[in-house]
N, C-alpha and C. Protein backbone atom coordinates (compact mmCIF):
# COMPACT_ATOMS: atom_id res chain seq x y z
N MET A 1 -45.22 9.94 -70.42
CA MET A 1 -44.87 9.67 -71.55
C MET A 1 -45.83 9.78 -72.58
N THR A 2 -45.44 10.61 -73.27
CA THR A 2 -46.02 11.64 -74.50
C THR A 2 -46.74 10.62 -75.81
N ARG A 3 -47.99 9.97 -76.13
CA ARG A 3 -47.97 8.92 -77.23
C ARG A 3 -48.47 9.53 -78.57
N ILE A 4 -46.88 9.49 -79.66
CA ILE A 4 -47.73 10.40 -81.17
C ILE A 4 -48.57 9.05 -81.68
N LEU A 5 -49.19 9.75 -82.76
CA LEU A 5 -49.26 8.70 -83.98
C LEU A 5 -48.99 9.65 -85.11
N ILE A 6 -48.63 9.28 -86.22
CA ILE A 6 -47.70 9.54 -87.51
C ILE A 6 -49.02 9.34 -88.53
N ALA A 7 -49.01 9.86 -89.58
CA ALA A 7 -49.61 9.59 -90.36
C ALA A 7 -48.74 9.89 -91.92
N ASP A 8 -48.11 9.41 -92.92
CA ASP A 8 -48.01 9.80 -94.01
C ASP A 8 -47.78 8.87 -94.86
N ASP A 9 -48.29 9.16 -96.13
CA ASP A 9 -48.10 7.94 -97.39
C ASP A 9 -46.77 7.56 -97.66
N ARG A 10 -45.83 8.29 -97.85
CA ARG A 10 -44.14 8.10 -98.10
C ARG A 10 -43.43 7.05 -96.58
N GLU A 11 -43.10 6.35 -96.69
CA GLU A 11 -42.44 5.57 -95.56
C GLU A 11 -41.15 5.93 -94.79
N SER A 12 -40.65 6.37 -95.97
CA SER A 12 -39.32 7.52 -96.56
C SER A 12 -39.75 8.90 -94.93
N MET A 13 -40.45 9.72 -95.14
CA MET A 13 -41.21 10.44 -94.12
C MET A 13 -41.62 9.84 -93.17
N ARG A 14 -42.09 8.62 -93.11
CA ARG A 14 -42.53 8.32 -91.50
C ARG A 14 -41.05 8.05 -90.75
N ILE A 15 -40.31 7.42 -91.55
CA ILE A 15 -39.20 7.15 -91.02
C ILE A 15 -38.48 8.59 -90.31
N ALA A 16 -38.07 9.91 -91.30
CA ALA A 16 -37.79 10.87 -90.57
C ALA A 16 -38.59 11.08 -89.88
N ILE A 17 -39.87 11.20 -89.66
CA ILE A 17 -40.29 11.80 -88.44
C ILE A 17 -40.45 11.35 -86.99
N ARG A 18 -40.37 10.05 -87.33
CA ARG A 18 -39.54 9.31 -86.37
C ARG A 18 -38.30 9.51 -85.83
N ALA A 19 -37.30 9.63 -86.32
CA ALA A 19 -36.42 10.19 -86.16
C ALA A 19 -36.57 11.23 -84.95
N LEU A 20 -37.29 12.36 -85.67
CA LEU A 20 -37.00 13.49 -85.01
C LEU A 20 -37.98 13.57 -83.70
N ILE A 21 -38.89 12.70 -83.85
CA ILE A 21 -39.48 12.57 -82.03
C ILE A 21 -38.96 11.78 -81.07
N ARG A 22 -38.32 10.72 -81.72
CA ARG A 22 -37.55 10.23 -80.96
C ARG A 22 -36.20 10.89 -80.29
N MET A 23 -35.89 12.15 -80.69
CA MET A 23 -35.26 13.20 -80.18
C MET A 23 -35.70 13.57 -78.91
N ARG A 24 -36.64 13.22 -78.50
CA ARG A 24 -37.33 14.06 -77.36
C ARG A 24 -37.43 12.64 -76.58
N PRO A 25 -36.48 12.38 -75.14
CA PRO A 25 -36.97 11.14 -74.37
C PRO A 25 -37.72 10.93 -73.73
N ASP A 26 -38.94 12.08 -74.02
CA ASP A 26 -40.37 12.10 -72.86
C ASP A 26 -41.50 11.52 -74.41
N TRP A 27 -41.14 11.76 -75.45
CA TRP A 27 -42.25 11.58 -76.89
C TRP A 27 -42.16 9.84 -77.14
N GLU A 28 -43.35 9.21 -77.87
CA GLU A 28 -42.67 7.61 -78.26
C GLU A 28 -43.77 8.22 -79.53
N ILE A 29 -43.89 6.96 -80.41
CA ILE A 29 -44.54 7.01 -81.50
C ILE A 29 -45.57 5.52 -80.92
N CYS A 30 -46.23 6.01 -81.00
CA CYS A 30 -47.62 4.64 -80.84
C CYS A 30 -48.00 4.40 -82.14
N GLY A 31 -48.19 4.95 -82.79
CA GLY A 31 -48.29 3.81 -83.98
C GLY A 31 -48.09 4.83 -85.65
N GLU A 32 -48.25 4.00 -86.39
CA GLU A 32 -48.28 4.68 -87.97
C GLU A 32 -49.35 4.46 -88.87
N ALA A 33 -49.49 5.46 -89.91
CA ALA A 33 -50.58 4.92 -91.05
C ALA A 33 -50.05 5.71 -92.23
N ASN A 34 -50.69 5.14 -93.35
CA ASN A 34 -50.17 5.23 -94.57
C ASN A 34 -51.37 5.68 -95.30
N ASP A 35 -52.50 6.09 -94.33
CA ASP A 35 -53.53 6.57 -95.68
C ASP A 35 -54.54 7.31 -94.64
N GLY A 36 -55.55 7.92 -95.15
CA GLY A 36 -56.38 8.77 -94.41
C GLY A 36 -57.24 7.43 -93.68
N ARG A 37 -57.74 6.40 -94.30
CA ARG A 37 -58.47 6.22 -93.40
C ARG A 37 -57.91 5.12 -92.12
N GLU A 38 -56.91 5.26 -92.20
CA GLU A 38 -55.92 4.10 -91.41
C GLU A 38 -55.89 4.98 -90.15
N VAL A 39 -55.68 6.31 -90.33
CA VAL A 39 -55.09 7.29 -89.20
C VAL A 39 -56.55 7.73 -88.58
N VAL A 40 -57.48 7.79 -88.87
CA VAL A 40 -58.94 7.57 -88.45
C VAL A 40 -58.83 6.76 -87.63
N ALA A 41 -59.06 5.36 -87.97
CA ALA A 41 -58.98 4.00 -87.26
C ALA A 41 -57.80 4.11 -86.35
N LYS A 42 -56.65 4.48 -86.09
CA LYS A 42 -55.64 3.91 -85.56
C LYS A 42 -55.85 5.33 -84.20
N ALA A 43 -56.47 6.73 -84.80
CA ALA A 43 -56.48 7.13 -83.53
C ALA A 43 -57.64 6.99 -82.55
N ALA A 44 -58.97 6.26 -83.02
CA ALA A 44 -59.68 6.08 -82.06
C ALA A 44 -59.21 4.45 -81.26
N GLU A 45 -58.51 4.05 -82.11
CA GLU A 45 -57.87 2.76 -81.18
C GLU A 45 -56.68 2.75 -80.46
N LEU A 46 -56.08 3.60 -80.70
CA LEU A 46 -54.77 3.86 -80.32
C LEU A 46 -54.74 4.94 -78.90
N GLN A 47 -55.55 5.81 -79.24
CA GLN A 47 -55.68 7.53 -78.24
C GLN A 47 -54.59 7.79 -77.81
N PRO A 48 -54.00 8.39 -79.16
CA PRO A 48 -52.81 8.91 -78.77
C PRO A 48 -52.77 10.45 -77.61
N ASP A 49 -51.52 11.01 -77.73
CA ASP A 49 -51.90 12.53 -76.89
C ASP A 49 -51.65 13.48 -78.12
N LEU A 50 -51.62 13.10 -79.41
CA LEU A 50 -51.11 13.87 -80.34
C LEU A 50 -50.85 13.07 -81.83
N VAL A 51 -51.92 13.60 -83.14
CA VAL A 51 -50.97 13.01 -84.10
C VAL A 51 -50.83 14.28 -85.09
N VAL A 52 -49.86 13.65 -85.80
CA VAL A 52 -49.12 14.46 -86.77
C VAL A 52 -49.24 13.13 -88.56
N LEU A 53 -50.26 14.51 -89.25
CA LEU A 53 -50.60 13.83 -90.52
C LEU A 53 -50.10 15.11 -91.73
N ASP A 54 -50.27 14.36 -92.82
CA ASP A 54 -50.08 14.75 -94.02
C ASP A 54 -51.30 14.73 -95.09
N PHE A 55 -51.02 15.83 -95.56
CA PHE A 55 -52.29 16.52 -95.95
C PHE A 55 -52.53 15.93 -97.43
N LYS A 56 -51.59 15.71 -98.50
CA LYS A 56 -52.31 14.47 -99.33
C LYS A 56 -51.45 12.90 -99.27
N MET A 57 -52.66 12.52 -99.55
CA MET A 57 -52.62 10.52 -98.30
C MET A 57 -53.57 10.40 -99.14
N PRO A 58 -53.35 8.90 -99.83
CA PRO A 58 -54.47 8.00 -100.16
C PRO A 58 -55.70 7.98 -99.08
N VAL A 59 -56.65 7.72 -100.15
CA VAL A 59 -58.30 7.37 -99.25
C VAL A 59 -58.80 8.52 -98.67
N ALA A 60 -57.94 9.35 -97.97
CA ALA A 60 -58.90 10.36 -97.34
C ALA A 60 -57.38 11.32 -97.23
N ASN A 61 -57.73 12.48 -97.76
CA ASN A 61 -56.73 13.32 -97.21
C ASN A 61 -56.40 14.06 -95.62
N GLY A 62 -55.72 14.69 -95.36
CA GLY A 62 -55.27 15.03 -94.20
C GLY A 62 -56.55 15.85 -93.59
N ILE A 63 -57.22 17.33 -94.41
CA ILE A 63 -58.73 17.83 -94.08
C ILE A 63 -59.43 17.03 -93.73
N GLN A 64 -59.89 15.67 -94.64
CA GLN A 64 -60.67 14.83 -94.18
C GLN A 64 -60.74 13.67 -93.16
N ALA A 65 -59.36 13.65 -92.70
CA ALA A 65 -59.08 12.60 -92.04
C ALA A 65 -58.85 13.21 -90.75
N GLY A 66 -58.87 14.58 -90.62
CA GLY A 66 -58.99 15.34 -89.62
C GLY A 66 -59.61 15.62 -88.75
N SER A 67 -61.11 15.94 -90.03
CA SER A 67 -62.18 16.02 -89.75
C SER A 67 -63.07 15.02 -88.95
N GLU A 68 -62.76 13.84 -89.19
CA GLU A 68 -62.97 12.25 -88.89
C GLU A 68 -62.40 12.26 -87.53
N ILE A 69 -61.55 12.74 -87.37
CA ILE A 69 -60.96 12.47 -86.05
C ILE A 69 -61.52 13.37 -84.75
N PHE A 70 -61.63 14.27 -85.23
CA PHE A 70 -62.17 15.76 -84.45
C PHE A 70 -63.72 15.43 -84.00
N ARG A 71 -64.47 14.39 -84.91
CA ARG A 71 -65.70 14.22 -84.34
C ARG A 71 -65.90 12.80 -83.24
N SER A 72 -64.65 12.25 -83.10
CA SER A 72 -65.08 11.09 -82.16
C SER A 72 -63.70 11.88 -81.47
N SER A 73 -62.91 12.62 -81.53
CA SER A 73 -62.18 12.96 -80.20
C SER A 73 -61.71 14.46 -80.35
N PRO A 74 -62.76 15.32 -80.10
CA PRO A 74 -62.35 16.81 -80.23
C PRO A 74 -61.69 17.58 -79.21
N THR A 75 -61.13 16.99 -78.78
CA THR A 75 -59.77 18.02 -77.92
C THR A 75 -58.05 17.39 -78.13
N LEU A 76 -58.23 16.17 -78.94
CA LEU A 76 -57.20 15.71 -79.85
C LEU A 76 -56.11 16.38 -80.48
N PRO A 77 -55.15 17.10 -80.60
CA PRO A 77 -54.79 17.93 -80.94
C PRO A 77 -53.67 17.33 -82.22
N VAL A 78 -54.16 18.20 -83.47
CA VAL A 78 -53.47 17.46 -84.61
C VAL A 78 -52.70 18.10 -85.43
N VAL A 79 -51.54 18.12 -85.91
CA VAL A 79 -50.54 18.79 -86.37
C VAL A 79 -50.17 18.32 -87.62
N MET A 80 -50.66 19.15 -89.06
CA MET A 80 -50.42 19.13 -90.38
C MET A 80 -48.86 19.07 -90.59
N TYR A 81 -48.54 18.18 -91.09
CA TYR A 81 -46.68 18.49 -91.76
C TYR A 81 -46.98 17.94 -93.14
N THR A 82 -46.74 18.84 -94.03
CA THR A 82 -47.45 19.00 -95.41
C THR A 82 -46.25 19.84 -96.72
N LEU A 83 -46.39 19.00 -97.84
CA LEU A 83 -45.39 19.70 -98.75
C LEU A 83 -46.16 20.79 -99.34
N TYR A 84 -47.42 20.85 -99.17
CA TYR A 84 -48.26 21.27 -100.00
C TYR A 84 -49.36 22.88 -99.04
N ARG A 85 -48.15 23.67 -98.35
CA ARG A 85 -48.60 24.34 -97.04
C ARG A 85 -49.21 25.58 -97.94
N THR A 86 -50.60 26.32 -98.52
CA THR A 86 -50.90 27.27 -99.22
C THR A 86 -52.02 27.50 -98.33
N PRO A 87 -52.36 29.44 -98.20
CA PRO A 87 -53.33 29.84 -97.29
C PRO A 87 -55.02 28.67 -97.54
N GLU A 88 -54.71 28.63 -98.48
CA GLU A 88 -56.01 27.53 -98.76
C GLU A 88 -56.06 26.54 -98.01
N ILE A 89 -55.25 25.54 -98.25
CA ILE A 89 -55.23 24.36 -97.35
C ILE A 89 -55.17 24.89 -96.02
N GLU A 90 -54.36 25.55 -95.27
CA GLU A 90 -53.96 26.14 -93.66
C GLU A 90 -55.68 26.17 -93.46
N ALA A 91 -56.31 27.26 -94.00
CA ALA A 91 -57.42 27.50 -93.98
C ALA A 91 -58.69 26.55 -93.22
N ALA A 92 -58.44 25.62 -94.35
CA ALA A 92 -59.39 24.43 -94.52
C ALA A 92 -58.81 23.71 -93.30
N ALA A 93 -58.10 23.65 -92.87
CA ALA A 93 -57.30 22.66 -92.19
C ALA A 93 -57.81 23.32 -90.73
N LYS A 94 -57.35 24.64 -90.47
CA LYS A 94 -58.22 24.98 -89.35
C LYS A 94 -59.35 25.37 -88.54
N ARG A 95 -60.39 25.38 -90.21
CA ARG A 95 -61.67 24.76 -90.05
C ARG A 95 -62.36 23.55 -89.61
N VAL A 96 -61.59 22.97 -89.50
CA VAL A 96 -61.55 20.96 -89.07
C VAL A 96 -61.27 20.71 -87.92
N GLY A 97 -60.31 22.14 -87.44
CA GLY A 97 -60.11 21.64 -86.15
C GLY A 97 -58.55 21.15 -85.78
N ILE A 98 -57.52 21.13 -86.87
CA ILE A 98 -55.95 21.18 -87.24
C ILE A 98 -56.02 22.51 -86.85
N ARG A 99 -54.70 22.49 -85.42
CA ARG A 99 -54.33 23.44 -85.19
C ARG A 99 -53.30 24.08 -85.50
N GLN A 100 -52.10 23.60 -86.08
CA GLN A 100 -51.20 24.34 -87.06
C GLN A 100 -50.88 23.14 -88.55
N VAL A 101 -50.62 24.22 -89.15
CA VAL A 101 -49.69 23.70 -90.17
C VAL A 101 -48.20 23.95 -90.77
N ILE A 102 -47.55 22.90 -90.73
CA ILE A 102 -46.24 23.12 -91.25
C ILE A 102 -45.69 22.42 -92.41
N ALA A 103 -45.13 23.13 -93.13
CA ALA A 103 -44.71 22.97 -94.06
C ALA A 103 -43.17 22.05 -93.88
N LYS A 104 -43.31 20.82 -94.90
CA LYS A 104 -41.83 19.84 -94.61
C LYS A 104 -40.77 20.59 -94.40
N GLU A 105 -40.91 21.78 -96.05
CA GLU A 105 -39.72 22.77 -96.18
C GLU A 105 -38.49 22.86 -95.22
N ASP A 106 -39.72 23.52 -94.19
CA ASP A 106 -39.38 24.58 -93.37
C ASP A 106 -38.52 23.83 -92.07
N GLY A 107 -38.74 22.82 -92.36
CA GLY A 107 -37.92 21.58 -91.68
C GLY A 107 -38.30 20.97 -90.40
N GLY A 108 -37.79 20.14 -89.56
CA GLY A 108 -37.90 19.39 -88.38
C GLY A 108 -38.54 19.94 -87.07
N LYS A 109 -37.30 21.21 -87.08
CA LYS A 109 -37.46 22.01 -85.95
C LYS A 109 -39.05 22.68 -86.01
N TYR A 110 -39.19 23.53 -86.70
CA TYR A 110 -40.89 23.93 -86.82
C TYR A 110 -41.64 22.40 -86.62
N LEU A 111 -41.30 21.27 -86.92
CA LEU A 111 -43.03 20.28 -86.33
C LEU A 111 -42.52 19.71 -84.55
N LEU A 112 -41.19 19.83 -84.51
CA LEU A 112 -41.13 19.48 -83.52
C LEU A 112 -41.63 20.67 -82.18
N SER A 113 -41.37 21.95 -82.50
CA SER A 113 -41.78 23.28 -82.08
C SER A 113 -43.50 23.31 -82.31
N ALA A 114 -43.75 22.85 -83.00
CA ALA A 114 -45.46 22.98 -83.02
C ALA A 114 -45.88 21.76 -82.14
N ILE A 115 -45.50 20.37 -82.39
CA ILE A 115 -45.87 19.71 -81.58
C ILE A 115 -45.64 20.29 -80.10
N GLU A 116 -44.98 20.45 -79.63
CA GLU A 116 -44.64 20.92 -78.03
C GLU A 116 -45.67 22.12 -77.73
N THR A 117 -45.80 23.10 -78.92
CA THR A 117 -47.15 24.14 -78.34
C THR A 117 -48.31 23.32 -78.29
N GLU A 118 -48.38 22.66 -79.23
CA GLU A 118 -49.58 21.93 -78.81
C GLU A 118 -50.10 20.77 -77.69
N LEU A 119 -49.37 20.24 -77.19
CA LEU A 119 -49.02 19.32 -76.15
C LEU A 119 -49.38 20.64 -74.75
N LEU A 120 -48.47 21.67 -74.93
CA LEU A 120 -48.33 22.50 -73.74
C LEU A 120 -49.93 23.09 -73.63
N ALA A 121 -50.39 23.65 -74.80
CA ALA A 121 -51.67 24.23 -74.88
C ALA A 121 -53.04 23.17 -74.65
N ASN A 122 -52.70 21.88 -74.76
CA ASN A 122 -53.44 20.80 -74.44
C ASN A 122 -53.92 20.58 -73.03
N ASN A 123 -52.68 20.65 -72.42
CA ASN A 123 -52.59 20.27 -71.11
C ASN A 123 -52.79 21.83 -70.15
N SER A 124 -53.17 22.60 -70.24
CA SER A 124 -53.45 23.79 -69.76
C SER A 124 -54.46 23.60 -69.26
């Protein structure tokens, strides 16, 4: 079973992401976080197979949280799912090790595809 940690400050978005992930019987949500500091702590504690996080979160944004996650778990795949996908944010995300930045307006199928791609790449 693939274990996924999700982080978004909006509960409604976490519910939507959870519903998408549950469409895959071999994936499960191992934890949820609503701010940048919490996702870093839960990534260390829960040892997920992948992290999905938002850019704009309280305490620490997704770039800051992703950077901290990579310091302790450099091979852990992180996908950013955000309303704020700009070339600048995408470049900053890639610099800290976030592999893909998916725009929320593009829809859930792109998020699922990104998760699948990153899990396959990490297992090869």
